[in-house]
Protein backbone atom coordinates (compact mmCIF):
# COMPACT_ATOMS: atom_id res chain seq x y z
CA MET A 1 86.64 58.45 -3.17
CA ILE A 2 87.28 55.80 -5.85
CA ILE A 3 90.52 55.96 -7.83
CA HIS A 4 90.10 56.03 -11.62
CA SER A 5 92.73 53.34 -12.24
CA LYS A 6 90.88 50.96 -9.89
CA VAL A 7 87.64 51.59 -11.81
CA THR A 8 89.40 50.69 -15.04
CA GLU A 9 90.93 47.60 -13.46
CA ILE A 10 87.56 46.44 -12.08
CA PHE A 11 85.87 47.08 -15.43
CA CYS A 12 88.50 45.08 -17.33
CA LEU A 13 88.15 42.10 -14.98
CA VAL A 14 84.35 42.21 -15.17
CA ASP A 15 84.42 42.60 -18.96
CA GLU A 16 86.64 39.54 -19.39
CA PHE A 17 84.31 37.55 -17.13
CA CYS A 18 81.22 38.68 -19.07
CA LYS A 19 82.78 37.71 -22.41
CA GLU A 20 83.52 34.18 -21.17
CA TYR A 21 80.14 33.92 -19.44
CA ASP A 22 78.23 35.00 -22.57
CA GLN A 23 80.04 32.43 -24.71
CA ILE A 24 78.98 29.64 -22.37
CA VAL A 25 75.44 30.80 -21.60
CA ASP A 26 74.42 31.85 -25.14
CA LYS A 27 74.57 28.22 -26.25
CA HIS A 28 71.91 27.25 -23.71
CA LEU A 29 69.44 30.15 -23.90
CA LEU A 30 65.85 29.41 -24.85
CA GLY A 31 63.60 31.75 -26.83
CA ASN A 32 64.40 34.66 -29.06
CA PRO A 33 66.97 37.33 -28.19
CA SER A 34 65.72 40.81 -27.38
CA LYS A 35 65.21 43.13 -30.34
CA ARG A 36 65.89 46.29 -28.32
CA PRO A 37 69.53 47.33 -28.15
CA ASN A 38 71.08 47.53 -24.69
CA ILE A 39 71.78 50.99 -23.31
CA MET A 40 74.57 49.72 -21.09
CA SER A 41 76.67 46.61 -21.39
CA LYS A 42 76.54 43.92 -18.72
CA SER A 43 80.09 44.87 -17.81
CA GLU A 44 79.13 48.48 -17.12
CA VAL A 45 76.15 47.50 -14.97
CA ILE A 46 78.18 45.02 -12.92
CA THR A 47 81.06 47.49 -12.53
CA ILE A 48 78.74 50.23 -11.23
CA THR A 49 77.14 47.73 -8.85
CA ILE A 50 80.55 46.68 -7.50
CA LEU A 51 81.57 50.33 -7.08
CA PHE A 52 78.33 50.94 -5.16
CA GLN A 53 79.20 48.11 -2.76
CA LEU A 54 82.64 49.65 -2.21
CA SER A 55 81.40 53.23 -1.95
CA GLY A 56 79.76 53.44 1.47
CA PHE A 57 76.55 55.00 0.08
CA ARG A 58 73.39 53.60 1.67
CA THR A 59 71.19 53.60 -1.44
CA PHE A 60 72.01 52.84 -5.04
CA LYS A 61 69.91 55.77 -6.27
CA HIS A 62 71.92 58.30 -4.25
CA PHE A 63 75.18 56.69 -5.31
CA TYR A 64 74.19 56.86 -9.00
CA ILE A 65 72.86 60.43 -8.88
CA PHE A 66 75.43 62.04 -6.60
CA TYR A 67 78.56 60.12 -7.53
CA VAL A 68 78.36 58.25 -10.82
CA GLN A 69 76.53 60.94 -12.79
CA LYS A 70 78.70 63.75 -11.43
CA HIS A 71 82.16 62.22 -11.10
CA MET A 72 82.22 59.35 -13.58
CA LYS A 73 80.77 60.91 -16.74
CA ASP A 74 83.96 60.23 -18.66
CA ASP A 75 83.90 56.54 -17.70
CA PHE A 76 80.25 55.86 -18.53
CA LEU A 77 79.38 58.59 -21.03
CA GLN A 78 76.93 56.76 -23.32
CA GLN A 79 74.16 56.02 -20.83
CA PHE A 80 74.00 59.51 -19.31
CA ARG A 81 72.14 60.73 -22.38
CA ILE A 82 69.33 58.24 -21.75
CA ILE A 83 69.14 57.18 -18.10
CA ASP A 84 67.83 59.70 -15.59
CA LEU A 85 67.15 58.32 -12.08
CA GLN A 86 66.19 61.68 -10.58
CA ASN A 87 62.51 61.18 -11.45
């Protein structure tokens, strides 16, 4: 369905954007930063969301359970130990 090299290309573009965005926005944030560590980076979340829009699946839950968790474990290995959308 989605070619691995395209996933890597999309992730790299999103990651570069997020790095530049964080540098600009962090200067203007109010309040204290979160003390909990993030499970997934912003780049990973945005990349999965973009892939969902390109996938043809009707719901994000089905896309994540039936495609991302089964076919993209090597790409997004860290969060599969913690996130479980099947419940």
